Protein backbone atom coordinates (compact mmCIF):
# COMPACT_ATOMS: atom_id res chain seq x y z
CA MET A 1 0.21 0.14 0.17
CA ILE A 2 1.44 3.80 -0.91
CA PHE A 3 0.51 6.10 1.32
CA LYS A 4 0.25 9.94 0.24
CA SER A 5 1.03 13.10 2.44
CA ARG A 6 -1.99 15.69 2.29
CA ILE A 7 0.01 18.17 0.49
CA ILE A 8 -0.47 21.95 0.93
CA HIS A 9 -0.69 24.80 -1.86
CA CYS A 10 -1.83 28.27 -0.13
CA PHE A 11 -1.54 31.34 -2.75
CA TYR A 12 -1.04 34.68 -1.26
CA ILE A 13 -1.42 38.06 -2.77
CA VAL A 14 0.08 41.49 -1.78
CA PHE A 15 -1.80 43.58 -0.42
CA GLU A 16 -4.61 41.12 1.10
CA ASN A 17 -4.39 39.16 4.26
CA LYS A 18 -5.57 35.90 4.21
CA ASN A 19 -6.10 32.71 6.72
CA MET A 20 -5.82 29.53 5.75
CA VAL A 21 -6.90 26.65 7.19
CA LEU A 22 -6.28 23.42 5.58
CA PRO A 23 -8.02 19.97 6.19
CA GLN A 24 -5.79 17.87 9.18
CA CYS A 25 -3.52 15.63 7.66
CA MET A 26 -3.17 11.99 9.31
CA CYS A 27 -0.32 10.50 9.23
CA LYS A 28 0.45 9.23 12.78
CA ASN A 29 2.78 5.80 12.37
CA ILE A 30 3.19 5.75 9.02
CA VAL A 31 6.22 6.58 7.06
CA VAL A 32 5.12 8.76 4.31
CA PRO A 33 7.41 10.87 1.51
CA GLN A 34 7.99 14.55 2.01
CA TYR A 35 5.10 15.90 -0.76
CA SER A 36 5.85 19.80 -1.10
CA GLY A 37 2.91 22.20 -1.46
CA GLN A 38 3.21 25.41 -3.25
CA THR A 39 1.70 29.11 -2.10
CA ALA A 40 1.97 31.74 -4.69
CA VAL A 41 2.53 35.02 -3.18
CA LEU A 42 2.70 38.76 -4.33
CA TYR A 43 3.39 39.24 -0.71
CA ASP A 44 4.49 42.64 -1.29
CA MET A 45 5.30 43.97 2.43
CA VAL A 46 5.39 40.83 4.18
CA HIS A 47 3.63 41.46 7.50
CA TYR A 48 2.53 38.93 10.77
CA GLY A 49 -0.44 38.77 8.76
CA HIS A 50 1.03 36.93 5.93
CA SER A 51 3.50 34.80 8.88
CA ASN A 52 0.04 34.03 10.46
CA GLN A 53 -1.12 32.40 7.26
CA LEU A 54 1.64 30.24 7.41
CA ARG A 55 1.62 29.47 10.43
CA GLN A 56 -1.84 27.55 10.04
CA ALA A 57 -0.86 26.37 6.61
CA LYS A 58 2.23 24.32 7.91
CA ALA A 59 0.22 23.69 11.05
CA MET A 60 -2.67 21.44 8.51
CA GLY A 61 0.13 19.46 6.61
CA ASP A 62 3.84 18.23 6.16
CA TYR A 63 5.75 20.48 3.86
CA LEU A 64 4.66 24.04 3.36
CA VAL A 65 6.63 25.20 0.11
CA VAL A 66 5.61 29.02 -0.70
CA GLY A 67 5.25 30.38 -4.55
CA VAL A 68 6.68 34.54 -4.64
CA HIS A 69 5.55 36.20 -7.48
CA THR A 70 7.91 38.58 -9.56
CA ASP A 71 8.20 42.17 -9.37
CA GLU A 72 7.18 42.26 -13.23
CA GLU A 73 3.80 40.29 -11.85
CA ILE A 74 3.44 42.54 -8.81
CA ALA A 75 3.47 45.67 -11.33
CA LYS A 76 1.10 44.43 -13.77
CA HIS A 77 -1.68 43.40 -11.44
CA LYS A 78 -1.06 45.30 -8.84
CA GLY A 79 1.33 48.41 -8.68
CA PRO A 80 4.97 49.54 -7.83
CA PRO A 81 5.97 46.97 -5.24
CA VAL A 82 7.71 47.81 -2.12
CA PHE A 83 9.97 45.49 -1.48
CA THR A 84 12.19 44.01 -4.20
CA GLN A 85 11.49 40.42 -5.27
CA ALA A 86 14.99 39.40 -3.94
CA GLU A 87 14.12 40.89 -0.54
CA ARG A 88 10.69 39.18 -1.05
CA TYR A 89 12.33 35.67 -1.48
CA LYS A 90 14.53 35.67 1.33
CA MET A 91 11.37 37.07 3.73
CA ILE A 92 9.67 34.59 3.07
CA HIS A 93 12.23 31.94 3.44
CA ALA A 94 13.30 33.58 7.09
CA THR A 95 9.62 32.66 8.22
CA LYS A 96 9.88 29.36 10.35
CA TRP A 97 6.72 27.52 9.23
CA VAL A 98 8.28 27.93 5.67
CA ASP A 99 10.04 24.59 4.25
CA GLU A 100 10.58 25.65 0.93
CA ILE A 101 10.10 28.68 -1.52
CA VAL A 102 9.41 28.78 -5.30
CA GLU A 103 10.56 32.16 -7.28
CA GLY A 104 8.26 33.45 -10.34
CA ALA A 105 5.46 31.73 -9.51
CA PRO A 106 2.75 32.49 -11.13
CA TYR A 107 -0.04 34.86 -10.83
CA VAL A 108 -3.21 32.73 -11.90
CA THR A 109 -3.85 29.55 -9.94
CA THR A 110 -4.06 26.89 -12.33
CA LEU A 111 -4.34 22.87 -12.11
CA GLU A 112 -1.62 22.59 -13.48
CA THR A 113 0.50 24.50 -11.43
CA LEU A 114 -1.05 22.68 -8.47
CA ASP A 115 0.06 19.11 -9.96
CA LYS A 116 3.56 20.34 -10.56
CA TYR A 117 4.15 20.53 -7.15
CA ASN A 118 2.10 17.48 -5.84
CA CYS A 119 -0.73 19.36 -4.85
CA ASP A 120 -4.16 18.62 -3.70
CA PHE A 121 -5.42 21.80 -3.36
CA CYS A 122 -5.14 25.80 -2.35
CA VAL A 123 -6.15 27.68 0.00
CA HIS A 124 -6.88 31.27 0.20
CA GLY A 125 -8.48 33.63 2.34
CA ASP A 126 -12.31 34.80 2.18
CA ASP A 127 -11.59 38.06 0.29
CA ILE A 128 -10.94 38.32 -3.65
CA THR A 129 -8.18 37.72 -6.04
CA LEU A 130 -8.42 39.44 -9.45
CA THR A 131 -6.13 40.11 -12.38
CA VAL A 132 -5.60 43.04 -14.22
CA ASP A 133 -8.44 42.48 -16.28
CA GLY A 134 -10.69 41.88 -13.10
CA LYS A 135 -10.93 37.77 -13.64
CA ASP A 136 -10.86 35.49 -10.59
CA THR A 137 -7.56 34.21 -10.19
CA TYR A 138 -8.82 31.01 -8.71
CA ASP A 139 -11.88 30.27 -11.28
CA GLU A 140 -10.08 27.41 -12.48
CA VAL A 141 -9.40 25.34 -8.94
CA LYS A 142 -12.86 26.73 -7.83
CA ARG A 143 -14.76 25.10 -10.38
CA MET A 144 -12.54 21.56 -10.24
CA GLY A 145 -13.41 21.66 -6.54
CA ARG A 146 -9.84 22.05 -5.58
CA TYR A 147 -10.36 25.37 -3.64
CA ARG A 148 -10.79 26.17 0.10
CA GLU A 149 -11.47 29.19 1.65
CA CYS A 150 -10.89 30.56 4.98
CA LYS A 151 -10.74 34.06 7.19
CA ARG A 152 -8.30 36.83 6.64
CA THR A 153 -6.16 37.76 9.86
CA GLN A 154 -8.23 40.99 11.09
CA GLY A 155 -5.83 44.30 12.27
CA VAL A 156 -3.48 44.20 9.40
CA SER A 157 -2.73 44.99 6.07
CA THR A 158 0.12 46.69 4.00
CA THR A 159 -2.83 49.11 2.77
CA ASP A 160 -2.54 49.98 6.67
CA LEU A 161 1.24 50.19 7.01
CA VAL A 162 1.82 52.12 4.19
CA GLY A 163 -0.89 55.04 5.39
CA ARG A 164 1.09 54.95 8.85
CA MET A 165 4.52 55.52 7.04
CA LEU A 166 2.63 58.33 4.68
CA LEU A 167 1.88 60.08 7.98
CA LEU A 168 5.49 61.08 8.33
CA THR A 169 5.19 62.79 4.59
CA LYS A 170 3.83 65.88 6.39
CA SER A 171 3.35 65.57 9.95
CA HIS A 172 2.72 68.96 10.77
CA HIS A 173 -0.37 69.27 8.41
CA SER A 174 -2.55 66.92 10.67
CA ASN A 175 -6.06 67.61 9.65
CA VAL A 176 -4.64 67.08 5.86
CA VAL A 177 -2.66 64.00 6.65
CA SER A 178 -5.21 62.35 8.53
CA ARG A 179 -8.24 62.61 5.48
CA LEU A 180 -4.78 60.95 3.64
CA TYR A 181 -5.07 58.38 5.91
CA HIS A 182 -8.56 57.97 5.80
CA ASN A 183 -8.81 57.58 2.64
CA PHE A 184 -5.50 55.78 1.65
CA GLY A 185 -7.93 52.44 0.63
CA LYS A 186 -11.03 53.73 -0.46
CA GLY A 187 -12.66 53.36 -3.59
CA PRO A 188 -15.25 55.96 -5.37
CA LYS A 189 -17.88 53.86 -3.49
CA GLY A 190 -16.47 53.21 0.05
CA HIS A 191 -14.52 51.23 1.82
CA SER A 192 -13.48 47.42 0.70
CA PRO A 193 -14.06 44.70 3.53
CA TRP A 194 -10.96 42.96 2.23
CA THR A 195 -8.24 46.04 1.75
CA GLY A 196 -9.56 48.94 4.33
CA VAL A 197 -8.27 49.09 7.51
CA SER A 198 -8.76 47.54 10.98
CA GLN A 199 -7.90 47.37 14.07
CA PHE A 200 -5.51 45.05 15.54
CA LEU A 201 -6.73 43.15 18.72
CA GLN A 202 -3.98 41.22 20.33
CA THR A 203 -4.09 38.01 22.36
CA SER A 204 -2.45 35.70 24.72
CA GLN A 205 -3.35 32.51 22.34
CA LYS A 206 -1.82 34.71 18.87
CA ILE A 207 1.62 34.93 21.22
CA ILE A 208 1.35 31.22 21.71
CA GLN A 209 0.38 30.30 18.84
CA PHE A 210 3.87 31.86 17.03
CA ALA A 211 5.85 31.43 20.01
CA SER A 212 8.43 28.08 19.78
CA GLY A 213 7.78 27.16 23.40
CA LYS A 214 11.51 25.99 23.49
CA GLU A 215 13.52 26.51 26.66
CA PRO A 216 17.09 26.53 26.00
CA GLN A 217 18.96 23.35 26.06
CA PRO A 218 22.35 22.19 28.18
CA GLY A 219 25.16 23.26 25.69
CA ASP A 220 22.98 26.30 23.86
CA THR A 221 24.82 29.90 23.65
CA ILE A 222 22.23 32.56 24.34
CA ILE A 223 22.73 35.61 22.58
CA TYR A 224 20.70 38.61 23.03
CA VAL A 225 19.90 41.46 21.03
CA ALA A 226 17.63 45.06 21.27
CA GLY A 227 15.70 47.09 19.55
CA ALA A 228 12.51 48.08 17.65
CA PHE A 229 12.39 45.71 14.77
CA ASP A 230 10.18 48.27 13.11
CA LEU A 231 7.99 47.32 9.56
CA PHE A 232 10.75 43.96 10.20
CA HIS A 233 12.11 43.58 6.67
CA ILE A 234 15.09 41.99 5.27
CA GLY A 235 17.81 43.90 7.02
CA HIS A 236 16.41 42.42 10.10
CA VAL A 237 16.52 39.17 8.69
CA ASP A 238 19.89 39.36 7.84
CA PHE A 239 21.14 40.68 11.21
CA LEU A 240 19.62 37.99 12.46
CA GLU A 241 20.71 35.71 10.61
CA THR A 242 24.39 36.80 11.57
CA VAL A 243 23.87 36.79 14.44
CA HIS A 244 22.53 32.95 14.65
CA LYS A 245 25.92 31.80 12.97
CA GLN A 246 27.63 33.02 16.10
CA ALA A 247 27.25 30.13 17.77
CA GLU A 248 26.97 26.39 16.78
CA LYS A 249 23.80 25.69 18.89
CA PRO A 250 22.61 29.50 19.26
CA TYR A 251 19.01 30.34 21.33
CA VAL A 252 18.28 34.02 20.29
CA ILE A 253 16.74 36.04 22.14
CA VAL A 254 15.16 39.22 21.46
CA GLY A 255 14.27 42.34 23.37
CA LEU A 256 11.73 44.94 21.99
CA HIS A 257 11.47 48.36 23.30
CA PHE A 258 7.99 49.72 24.04
CA ASP A 259 6.74 52.25 21.72
CA GLN A 260 7.37 55.10 23.75
CA GLU A 261 11.21 53.71 24.12
CA VAL A 262 11.61 53.35 20.53
CA ASN A 263 9.66 56.92 19.74
CA ARG A 264 12.64 58.69 22.28
CA TYR A 265 15.20 57.84 20.01
CA LYS A 266 13.42 57.14 16.63
CA GLY A 267 11.46 60.44 16.64
CA LYS A 268 8.64 61.12 14.07
CA ASN A 269 5.66 59.02 14.13
CA TYR A 270 7.91 55.90 14.75
CA PRO A 271 7.57 52.92 15.40
CA ILE A 272 5.28 52.33 12.68
CA MET A 273 4.36 49.21 14.12
CA ASN A 274 3.14 49.24 17.95
CA ILE A 275 4.60 46.65 20.40
CA HIS A 276 2.34 43.80 19.88
CA GLU A 277 2.60 44.19 15.77
CA ARG A 278 6.38 43.73 16.21
CA THR A 279 5.69 40.93 18.84
CA LEU A 280 4.49 38.73 16.29
CA SER A 281 6.83 40.38 13.27
CA VAL A 282 9.87 38.88 14.93
CA LEU A 283 8.55 35.42 16.62
CA ALA A 284 7.95 34.28 13.31
CA CYS A 285 12.08 34.64 12.18
CA ARG A 286 13.18 31.21 12.16
CA TYR A 287 16.22 32.47 14.08
CA VAL A 288 14.40 33.76 16.89
CA SER A 289 13.92 31.63 19.82
CA GLU A 290 12.36 34.08 22.48
CA VAL A 291 11.19 37.39 22.52
CA VAL A 292 11.21 39.88 25.38
CA ILE A 293 8.11 42.23 25.05
CA GLY A 294 8.94 45.75 26.14
CA ALA A 295 12.51 44.93 27.23
CA PRO A 296 14.49 47.55 28.84
CA TYR A 297 16.84 50.01 27.11
CA ALA A 298 19.81 49.62 29.09
CA VAL A 299 20.89 46.17 28.92
CA GLY A 300 22.06 45.43 32.46
CA LYS A 301 22.62 43.36 35.10
CA ASP A 302 19.25 41.58 36.07
CA LEU A 303 18.56 41.07 32.33
CA LEU A 304 22.08 39.30 31.66
CA ASP A 305 22.10 37.19 34.74
CA HIS A 306 18.03 36.32 34.46
CA PHE A 307 18.47 34.79 31.13
CA LYS A 308 22.15 33.57 31.94
CA VAL A 309 22.96 35.51 28.42
CA ASP A 310 26.55 34.51 26.98
CA LEU A 311 26.75 37.04 23.93
CA VAL A 312 25.16 40.50 23.37
CA CYS A 313 25.04 41.62 19.91
CA HIS A 314 24.33 44.80 18.09
CA GLY A 315 24.39 46.07 14.24
CA LYS A 316 26.03 48.59 12.74
CA THR A 317 23.30 50.91 13.32
CA GLU A 318 23.59 53.99 15.46
CA VAL A 319 23.49 53.36 19.57
CA PHE A 320 21.60 55.82 21.16
CA SER A 321 22.40 57.11 24.81
CA ASP A 322 20.14 56.26 27.54
CA THR A 323 17.59 58.50 29.07
CA ASP A 324 20.73 59.31 31.54
CA GLY A 325 23.30 59.93 28.94
CA THR A 326 24.88 56.47 29.63
CA ASP A 327 25.89 53.40 27.21
CA PRO A 328 22.90 50.95 27.41
CA TYR A 329 25.41 48.17 26.46
CA ALA A 330 28.48 49.41 29.39
CA GLU A 331 27.33 46.26 31.24
CA PRO A 332 27.95 43.76 28.54
CA LYS A 333 31.00 45.32 27.39
CA LYS A 334 32.20 45.11 31.15
CA ARG A 335 31.73 41.52 31.02
CA GLY A 336 33.61 40.88 27.43
CA ILE A 337 30.36 39.32 26.02
CA PHE A 338 29.26 42.59 23.88
CA ARG A 339 29.93 41.99 19.87
CA VAL A 340 29.21 44.65 16.69
CA LEU A 341 28.49 42.50 13.92
CA ASP A 342 28.28 43.65 9.89
CA SER A 343 25.25 41.34 8.09
CA SER A 344 26.66 43.48 5.09
CA ASN A 345 22.57 44.96 4.41
CA ASN A 346 22.23 48.55 4.68
CA LEU A 347 18.14 48.48 4.35
CA THR A 348 16.83 50.53 7.34
CA THR A 349 13.15 50.93 8.15
CA ASP A 350 14.07 54.69 7.14
CA VAL A 351 14.40 53.30 3.63
CA ILE A 352 11.21 51.51 3.44
CA VAL A 353 9.40 54.39 4.49
CA GLN A 354 11.25 56.50 2.12
CA ARG A 355 10.33 54.37 -0.65
CA ILE A 356 7.07 54.70 0.22
CA ILE A 357 7.13 58.24 0.17
CA GLU A 358 9.13 58.73 -3.10
CA ASN A 359 5.79 56.50 -4.51
CA ARG A 360 2.98 57.77 -2.65
CA LEU A 361 0.87 58.64 -5.32
CA GLN A 362 1.11 55.35 -7.33
CA PHE A 363 0.44 53.52 -4.03
CA GLU A 364 -2.71 55.65 -3.20
CA ALA A 365 -4.12 55.03 -6.70
CA ARG A 366 -2.93 51.34 -6.59
CA ASN A 367 -5.19 50.74 -3.40
CA GLN A 368 -8.38 53.16 -4.74
CA LYS A 369 -7.89 51.41 -8.27
CA LYS A 370 -7.68 47.75 -6.17
CA GLU A 371 -10.67 48.55 -3.98
CA ALA A 372 -12.66 50.14 -6.26
CA LYS A 373 -12.65 46.62 -8.49
CA GLU A 374 -13.47 44.55 -5.44
CA MET A 375 -16.35 46.84 -4.21
CA ALA A 376 -17.78 46.26 -8.22
CA VAL A 377 -17.36 42.19 -7.21
CA ILE A 378 -19.20 42.73 -3.94
CA GLU A 379 -21.92 44.58 -5.36
CA ALA A 380 -22.29 41.83 -8.70
CA LEU A 381 -22.39 38.93 -5.62
CA LYS A 382 -24.75 41.04 -3.80
CA ASN A 383 -27.58 41.63 -7.06
CA LYS A 384 -26.81 37.46 -7.91
CA GLU A 385 -27.67 36.98 -4.08
CA ASP A 386 -30.90 39.15 -4.29
CA LEU A 387 -31.75 37.45 -7.93
CA GLN A 388 -31.23 34.22 -6.55
CA LYS A 389 -33.59 34.69 -3.38
CA THR A 390 -36.17 36.44 -6.05
CA GLU A 391 -36.57 33.46 -8.00
CA ALA A 392 -36.81 31.06 -4.81
CA ALA A 393 -39.88 32.98 -3.41
CA ILE A 394 -41.33 32.65 -6.73
CA THR A 395 -40.62 29.07 -7.47
CA ASN A 396 -42.03 28.17 -3.46
CA ASN A 397 -45.48 30.31 -4.64
C-alpha cells in the first residue's frame, strides 16, 4: 500500500491578508514521503498577517512550499512593489513555518500548477483576488473543487501600514494627513472589507501560537539582541541570521523596546508598528527563539543574569544613549560579551519609509483602484444573491 501525505498549496497576494486553514493530515505512525505544497505570493510587504497564514497552513500539513511572484507580476496586477523580489524571496524563506520557496510563481492559480508541485488543493482567504482585467485568479481551481477558503487575519494589511508611513510625509499638516490616511485605501464607492484598514487586537493565544515554546538546552549559547525591529524587513532578517551564526547551538533572544522608548530615540511617529505587532513579526522569524516584550533600553546586570546571556550583539546602526546619557551596553561591554556584527545589509526602516513616500501617489492610486474593483465584485455578488432569493420565492409560491 502506498501512502501519500496531504499536500499544502496556499496562494498569497500582495496587499491582502489571508488566513489559511487546511484539512488535518492524519499520518500518525505512517512513514510517508515529503510531498511539497506550494503557495504563490506577491507578498509585497511581508507582515505578521502573512506569517499567521503560513503558520496555520503548516500546522495542517507536512511540508509547506511558498511560491513568490516577481516584481513584474506585481507591477502588472497591483502596482509598484515596496520590496524587491529578491528581498521578498529571502523574507518568506526566513519565516519559520516555510520549508521551501518557489521563485517567480504564476499569478493565476491553475490545475497545472497544483499538479506540478503535487498539491491536492489551494487555500485562500475570504477576499477576492483579481487579475488586471478583473478576473478571479482562482476560477479554474474553484470549478474543479480544488479550492479551500478561510478567514483573513484581522487588524493588519499592507494598505494600513503604508497609510501609517504616509503620515511621515507632512506630519505638521495633521488635518490634511489624517484625511489622506483615512482615504488611502478608499475607492469611489467606499471601503472594501478586504482592503480597508482595521484595528489589531493582541491576545495571549496569538502570542502562544507564534512562540516556539522551546527552553534553552544544555550547551546552547544564549545570545541577546535588542531594538525596535519596526516594519520587520530583510535588513532585520540578515542581521538575525548573522547573529544565529555566532554559535553552533544558538538560542537567540530579541528584546523589543516599548513604543514610547522607540519614539524617544527614533522620533517622528516611529514606530510604525506597535509593540504587539512587532512581537509577532519577530517571533515568526526562524532565527529567533524568544522575545522579551518591552525590554529595558539599558542591557543591565539583572537582564543578563536572568537569561544567563553568553553574548550580546548589535548591528552597525547607531546606538543612542539612555535617558541619563549612559551607554545602554555598558554592562555587557564590561563583561566582555558585547559584539558588533556586520550583516552587509544597509536596509533600514527609514529606507523603506522613503520608498513609500517617493511613490506615494502611485501607492494611493493603486489601492483606490484595487478597492474599486473589489467593491464592484461585492455589488455583483449581492445582486446575484438577491436574484437567487427572488427566483426561490417565486418558485415556492
